[in-house]
C-alpha atoms as a PDB file:
ATOM      1  CA  MET A   1       0.000   0.000   0.000  1.00  0.00           C
ATOM      2  CA  SER A   2       1.453   3.378  -0.960  1.00  0.00           C
ATOM      3  CA  MET A   3       1.190   6.470   1.124  1.00  0.00           C
ATOM      4  CA  ALA A   4       0.002   9.812  -0.219  1.00  0.00           C
ATOM      5  CA  PRO A   5       2.739  12.441  -0.446  1.00  0.00           C
ATOM      6  CA  LYS A   6       3.004  14.828   2.472  1.00  0.00           C
ATOM      7  CA  PRO A   7       1.762  18.357   1.816  1.00  0.00           C
ATOM      8  CA  THR A   8       4.490  20.976   1.440  1.00  0.00           C
ATOM      9  CA  ALA A   9       4.818  23.927   3.748  1.00  0.00           C
ATOM     10  CA  THR A  10       4.263  26.427   0.921  1.00  0.00           C
ATOM     11  CA  PRO A  11       1.026  26.156  -0.995  1.00  0.00           C
ATOM     12  CA  ALA A  12       1.251  25.982  -4.777  1.00  0.00           C
ATOM     13  CA  ALA A  13       0.493  29.266  -6.489  1.00  0.00           C
ATOM     14  CA  PRO A  14      -2.590  29.088  -8.676  1.00  0.00           C
ATOM     15  CA  SER A  15      -1.838  29.241 -12.378  1.00  0.00           C
ATOM     16  CA  VAL A  16      -3.630  32.185 -13.909  1.00  0.00           C
ATOM     17  CA  GLY A  17      -3.443  32.672 -17.649  1.00  0.00           C
ATOM     18  CA  ILE A  18      -3.265  35.993 -19.403  1.00  0.00           C
ATOM     19  CA  ARG A  19      -6.708  37.473 -19.633  1.00  0.00           C
ATOM     20  CA  PRO A  20      -7.786  38.875 -22.991  1.00  0.00           C
ATOM     21  CA  THR A  21      -8.737  42.509 -23.241  1.00  0.00           C
ATOM     22  CA  PRO A  22     -12.524  42.876 -22.997  1.00  0.00           C
ATOM     23  CA  VAL A  23     -14.242  43.729 -26.256  1.00  0.00           C
ATOM     24  CA  GLY A  24     -14.604  47.474 -26.565  1.00  0.00           C
ATOM     25  CA  ALA A  25     -11.904  48.215 -23.984  1.00  0.00           C
ATOM     26  CA  GLN A  26      -8.936  50.261 -25.077  1.00  0.00           C
ATOM     27  CA  VAL A  27      -5.483  49.482 -23.800  1.00  0.00           C
ATOM     28  CA  GLY A  28      -3.757  52.364 -22.081  1.00  0.00           C
ATOM     29  CA  THR A  29      -6.981  53.921 -20.837  1.00  0.00           C
ATOM     30  CA  SER A  30      -8.440  53.648 -17.383  1.00  0.00           C
ATOM     31  CA  THR A  31     -11.013  51.056 -18.587  1.00  0.00           C
ATOM     32  CA  ALA A  32      -8.404  48.365 -19.409  1.00  0.00           C
ATOM     33  CA  PRO A  33      -6.959  46.368 -16.540  1.00  0.00           C
ATOM     34  CA  VAL A  34      -3.290  47.032 -15.846  1.00  0.00           C
ATOM     35  CA  GLY A  35      -0.946  44.322 -17.117  1.00  0.00           C
ATOM     36  CA  VAL A  36      -3.369  42.861 -19.625  1.00  0.00           C
ATOM     37  CA  PRO A  37      -1.811  42.687 -23.099  1.00  0.00           C
ATOM     38  CA  SER A  38      -3.720  44.078 -26.012  1.00  0.00           C
ATOM     39  CA  ARG A  39      -4.918  41.863 -28.821  1.00  0.00           C
ATOM     40  CA  PRO A  40      -2.753  41.734 -31.895  1.00  0.00           C
ATOM     41  CA  PRO A  41      -4.042  43.978 -34.672  1.00  0.00           C
ATOM     42  CA  MET A  42      -6.387  42.273 -37.080  1.00  0.00           C
ATOM     43  CA  ARG A  43      -4.774  41.274 -40.357  1.00  0.00           C
ATOM     44  CA  SER A  44      -6.203  43.090 -43.297  1.00  0.00           C
ATOM     45  CA  GLU A  45      -7.856  41.005 -45.975  1.00  0.00           C
ATOM     46  CA  ALA A  46      -5.123  41.967 -48.446  1.00  0.00           C
ATOM     47  CA  SER A  47      -2.439  40.332 -46.303  1.00  0.00           C
ATOM     48  CA  GLU A  48      -4.376  37.082 -45.846  1.00  0.00           C
ATOM     49  CA  ARG A  49      -3.270  34.532 -48.401  1.00  0.00           C
ATOM     50  CA  ARG A  50      -4.856  31.332 -49.604  1.00  0.00           C
ATOM     51  CA  THR A  51      -2.166  28.851 -48.562  1.00  0.00           C
ATOM     52  CA  LEU A  52      -2.139  25.097 -49.079  1.00  0.00           C
ATOM     53  CA  VAL A  53       0.326  23.233 -46.855  1.00  0.00           C
ATOM     54  CA  VAL A  54       1.037  19.579 -47.584  1.00  0.00           C
ATOM     55  CA  GLY A  55       2.686  18.445 -44.356  1.00  0.00           C
ATOM     56  CA  ARG A  56       5.337  15.815 -43.729  1.00  0.00           C
ATOM     57  CA  GLY A  57       4.126  12.276 -44.312  1.00  0.00           C
ATOM     58  CA  ILE A  58       1.172  13.466 -46.403  1.00  0.00           C
ATOM     59  CA  SER A  59       0.794  12.609 -50.098  1.00  0.00           C
ATOM     60  CA  LEU A  60      -1.429  14.590 -52.442  1.00  0.00           C
ATOM     61  CA  GLN A  61      -2.358  13.649 -55.993  1.00  0.00           C
ATOM     62  CA  GLY A  62      -4.475  15.857 -58.229  1.00  0.00           C
ATOM     63  CA  THR A  63      -4.857  19.355 -59.598  1.00  0.00           C
ATOM     64  CA  VAL A  64      -4.205  22.450 -57.522  1.00  0.00           C
ATOM     65  CA  SER A  65      -5.600  25.780 -58.686  1.00  0.00           C
ATOM     66  CA  ASP A  66      -6.296  29.166 -57.141  1.00  0.00           C
ATOM     67  CA  ALA A  67      -3.776  28.675 -54.325  1.00  0.00           C
ATOM     68  CA  GLU A  68      -1.760  31.796 -53.693  1.00  0.00           C
ATOM     69  CA  ARG A  69       0.943  29.886 -51.830  1.00  0.00           C
ATOM     70  CA  LEU A  70       1.722  26.173 -51.930  1.00  0.00           C
ATOM     71  CA  VAL A  71       4.038  24.730 -49.273  1.00  0.00           C
ATOM     72  CA  VAL A  72       5.194  21.143 -49.845  1.00  0.00           C
ATOM     73  CA  GLU A  73       6.710  19.311 -46.888  1.00  0.00           C
ATOM     74  CA  GLY A  74       5.349  15.903 -47.940  1.00  0.00           C
ATOM     75  CA  THR A  75       4.741  14.594 -51.473  1.00  0.00           C
ATOM     76  CA  VAL A  76       2.684  16.218 -54.236  1.00  0.00           C
ATOM     77  CA  GLU A  77       2.045  14.639 -57.641  1.00  0.00           C
ATOM     78  CA  SER A  78      -0.002  16.736 -60.025  1.00  0.00           C
ATOM     79  CA  GLN A  79      -0.856  17.136 -63.685  1.00  0.00           C
ATOM     80  CA  MET A  80      -1.150  20.904 -63.225  1.00  0.00           C
ATOM     81  CA  ILE A  81      -0.514  23.241 -60.333  1.00  0.00           C
ATOM     82  CA  GLN A  82      -1.134  26.959 -60.623  1.00  0.00           C
ATOM     83  CA  ALA A  83      -0.161  29.155 -57.689  1.00  0.00           C
ATOM     84  CA  SER A  84       1.528  32.477 -57.025  1.00  0.00           C
ATOM     85  CA  GLU A  85       4.266  31.040 -54.808  1.00  0.00           C
ATOM     86  CA  LEU A  86       5.702  27.562 -54.372  1.00  0.00           C
ATOM     87  CA  PHE A  87       7.952  26.427 -51.546  1.00  0.00           C
ATOM     88  CA  VAL A  88       9.248  22.849 -51.508  1.00  0.00           C
ATOM     89  CA  ALA A  89      10.790  22.187 -48.090  1.00  0.00           C
ATOM     90  CA  GLN A  90      13.888  20.048 -47.612  1.00  0.00           C
ATOM     91  CA  SER A  91      11.663  17.053 -46.812  1.00  0.00           C
ATOM     92  CA  GLY A  92       9.311  17.808 -49.726  1.00  0.00           C
ATOM     93  CA  VAL A  93       8.924  16.029 -53.064  1.00  0.00           C
ATOM     94  CA  CYS A  94       6.967  17.659 -55.866  1.00  0.00           C
ATOM     95  CA  LYS A  95       6.293  15.950 -59.215  1.00  0.00           C
ATOM     96  CA  GLY A  96       4.334  17.196 -62.193  1.00  0.00           C
ATOM     97  CA  GLU A  97       3.745  20.401 -64.108  1.00  0.00           C
ATOM     98  CA  LEU A  98       3.742  23.715 -62.254  1.00  0.00           C
ATOM     99  CA  GLN A  99       3.116  27.304 -63.263  1.00  0.00           C
ATOM    100  CA  VAL A 100       3.939  29.830 -60.553  1.00  0.00           C
ATOM    101  CA  GLU A 101       5.126  33.403 -60.137  1.00  0.00           C
ATOM    102  CA  ASP A 102       7.979  32.543 -57.743  1.00  0.00           C
ATOM    103  CA  ALA A 103       9.395  29.196 -56.599  1.00  0.00           C
ATOM    104  CA  GLU A 104      11.840  28.140 -53.924  1.00  0.00           C
ATOM    105  CA  ILE A 105      13.062  24.548 -53.999  1.00  0.00           C
ATOM    106  CA  ALA A 106      14.860  23.120 -50.954  1.00  0.00           C
ATOM    107  CA  GLY A 107      13.704  19.531 -51.574  1.00  0.00           C
ATOM    108  CA  LEU A 108      13.136  17.568 -54.791  1.00  0.00           C
ATOM    109  CA  PHE A 109      11.212  18.752 -57.839  1.00  0.00           C
ATOM    110  CA  ASP A 110      10.729  16.395 -60.787  1.00  0.00           C
ATOM    111  CA  GLY A 111       8.820  17.552 -63.870  1.00  0.00           C
ATOM    112  CA  THR A 112       8.233  20.866 -65.607  1.00  0.00           C
ATOM    113  CA  ILE A 113       8.245  24.112 -63.671  1.00  0.00           C
ATOM    114  CA  THR A 114       7.553  27.552 -65.099  1.00  0.00           C
ATOM    115  CA  ALA A 115       8.367  30.381 -62.692  1.00  0.00           C
ATOM    116  CA  ARG A 116       7.315  33.612 -64.385  1.00  0.00           C
ATOM    117  CA  ASN A 117       9.525  35.634 -62.017  1.00  0.00           C
ATOM    118  CA  SER A 118      12.176  33.873 -59.948  1.00  0.00           C
ATOM    119  CA  LEU A 119      13.291  30.326 -59.295  1.00  0.00           C
ATOM    120  CA  VAL A 120      15.511  29.791 -56.246  1.00  0.00           C
ATOM    121  CA  ILE A 121      17.185  26.431 -55.734  1.00  0.00           C
ATOM    122  CA  ARG A 122      18.557  26.102 -52.202  1.00  0.00           C
ATOM    123  CA  SER A 123      21.713  24.140 -51.326  1.00  0.00           C
ATOM    124  CA  SER A 124      19.627  21.055 -50.483  1.00  0.00           C
ATOM    125  CA  GLY A 125      17.358  21.469 -53.536  1.00  0.00           C
ATOM    126  CA  LYS A 126      17.314  19.363 -56.676  1.00  0.00           C
ATOM    127  CA  VAL A 127      15.370  20.087 -59.878  1.00  0.00           C
ATOM    128  CA  ASN A 128      15.015  17.321 -62.492  1.00  0.00           C
ATOM    129  CA  GLY A 129      13.262  17.953 -65.810  1.00  0.00           C
ATOM    130  CA  VAL A 130      12.405  21.260 -67.460  1.00  0.00           C
ATOM    131  CA  ALA A 131      12.783  24.544 -65.607  1.00  0.00           C
ATOM    132  CA  ARG A 132      11.686  27.865 -67.124  1.00  0.00           C
ATOM    133  CA  CYS A 133      12.157  31.149 -65.302  1.00  0.00           C
ATOM    134  CA  ARG A 134      12.997  34.815 -65.714  1.00  0.00           C
ATOM    135  CA  LYS A 135      15.504  34.933 -62.811  1.00  0.00           C
ATOM    136  CA  LEU A 136      17.484  31.954 -61.527  1.00  0.00           C
ATOM    137  CA  SER A 137      19.416  31.595 -58.276  1.00  0.00           C
ATOM    138  CA  VAL A 138      21.190  28.365 -57.323  1.00  0.00           C
ATOM    139  CA  GLU A 139      22.940  28.116 -53.977  1.00  0.00           C
ATOM    140  CA  GLU A 140      26.180  26.160 -53.717  1.00  0.00           C
ATOM    141  CA  GLY A 141      25.181  22.500 -53.552  1.00  0.00           C
ATOM    142  CA  GLY A 142      21.856  23.017 -55.348  1.00  0.00           C
ATOM    143  CA  GLN A 143      21.350  20.763 -58.370  1.00  0.00           C
ATOM    144  CA  VAL A 144      19.687  21.257 -61.754  1.00  0.00           C
ATOM    145  CA  SER A 145      19.439  18.295 -64.103  1.00  0.00           C
ATOM    146  CA  GLY A 146      17.601  18.565 -67.408  1.00  0.00           C
ATOM    147  CA  GLN A 147      16.591  21.463 -69.612  1.00  0.00           C
ATOM    148  CA  MET A 148      16.846  25.093 -68.504  1.00  0.00           C
ATOM    149  CA  GLU A 149      15.060  27.973 -70.300  1.00  0.00           C
ATOM    150  CA  MET A 150      15.321  31.631 -69.405  1.00  0.00           C
ATOM    151  CA  LEU A 151      12.086  33.523 -70.076  1.00  0.00           C
ATOM    152  CA  THR A 152      11.928  36.989 -71.566  1.00  0.00           C
ATOM    153  CA  ASP A 153       9.348  39.506 -70.343  1.00  0.00           C
ATOM    154  CA  ALA A 154       7.107  38.689 -73.317  1.00  0.00           C
ATOM    155  CA  GLN A 155       7.326  34.927 -72.698  1.00  0.00           C
ATOM    156  CA  ALA A 156       6.596  35.329 -68.985  1.00  0.00           C
ATOM    157  CA  THR A 157       3.509  37.404 -69.751  1.00  0.00           C
ATOM    158  CA  ALA A 158       2.352  34.942 -72.416  1.00  0.00           C
ATOM    159  CA  SER A 159       2.676  31.981 -70.037  1.00  0.00           C
ATOM    160  CA  ARG A 160       0.219  33.467 -67.546  1.00  0.00           C
ATOM    161  CA  PRO A 161      -2.990  31.475 -67.436  1.00  0.00           C
ATOM    162  CA  ALA A 162      -5.663  33.314 -69.366  1.00  0.00           C
ATOM    163  CA  THR A 163      -8.895  34.092 -67.605  1.00  0.00           C
ATOM    164  CA  PRO A 164     -11.732  33.153 -69.911  1.00  0.00           C
ATOM    165  CA  ALA A 165     -13.818  36.091 -71.055  1.00  0.00           C
ATOM    166  CA  PRO A 166     -17.544  35.875 -70.345  1.00  0.00           C
ATOM    167  CA  ALA A 167     -19.503  34.514 -73.273  1.00  0.00           C
ATOM    168  CA  MET A 168     -21.224  37.311 -75.154  1.00  0.00           C
ATOM    169  CA  PRO A 169     -23.988  36.619 -77.653  1.00  0.00           C
ATOM    170  CA  ALA A 170     -23.209  37.671 -81.194  1.00  0.00           C
ATOM    171  CA  PRO A 171     -25.013  40.863 -82.286  1.00  0.00           C
ATOM    172  CA  ALA A 172     -28.057  40.156 -84.385  1.00  0.00           C
ATOM    173  CA  GLU A 173     -27.912  41.315 -87.992  1.00  0.00           C
ATOM    174  CA  VAL A 174     -30.694  43.502 -89.300  1.00  0.00           C
END
């Protein structure tokens, strides 16, 4: 039979978390409690980005569209990915065809990538296949194997996905 531990001479201090500022209260005025931190400022809608994160150990197959930022820490295989930014982490593997504004590869990319602005290959990064970009940066140790094409301003603009125009009925002839 085990005995319960003896109580200590000093009582344990209660753990009190940080209290949020009441709604409507302003920090620095007499209505806000002293020592209570203010809430972080709300992010504006312009700074919020549609981000898809494929975490470690996760595999994704399919088409990705309308993502502003794609972060690959696991494995992605796709026929077509269109995003503004791509980041392939050191643990990430990305295979397929990609069209992005900017890309940073620290893991493995295998396929065709078109970066209309910049393509950065980190020291741990490896690109196999076709890489098209306007600006290229390869850190010491980074690898490129395959075909490399540098885009001109006109080519970069032409490779942007076209937004279909709304269908307009033809004018009737009189």
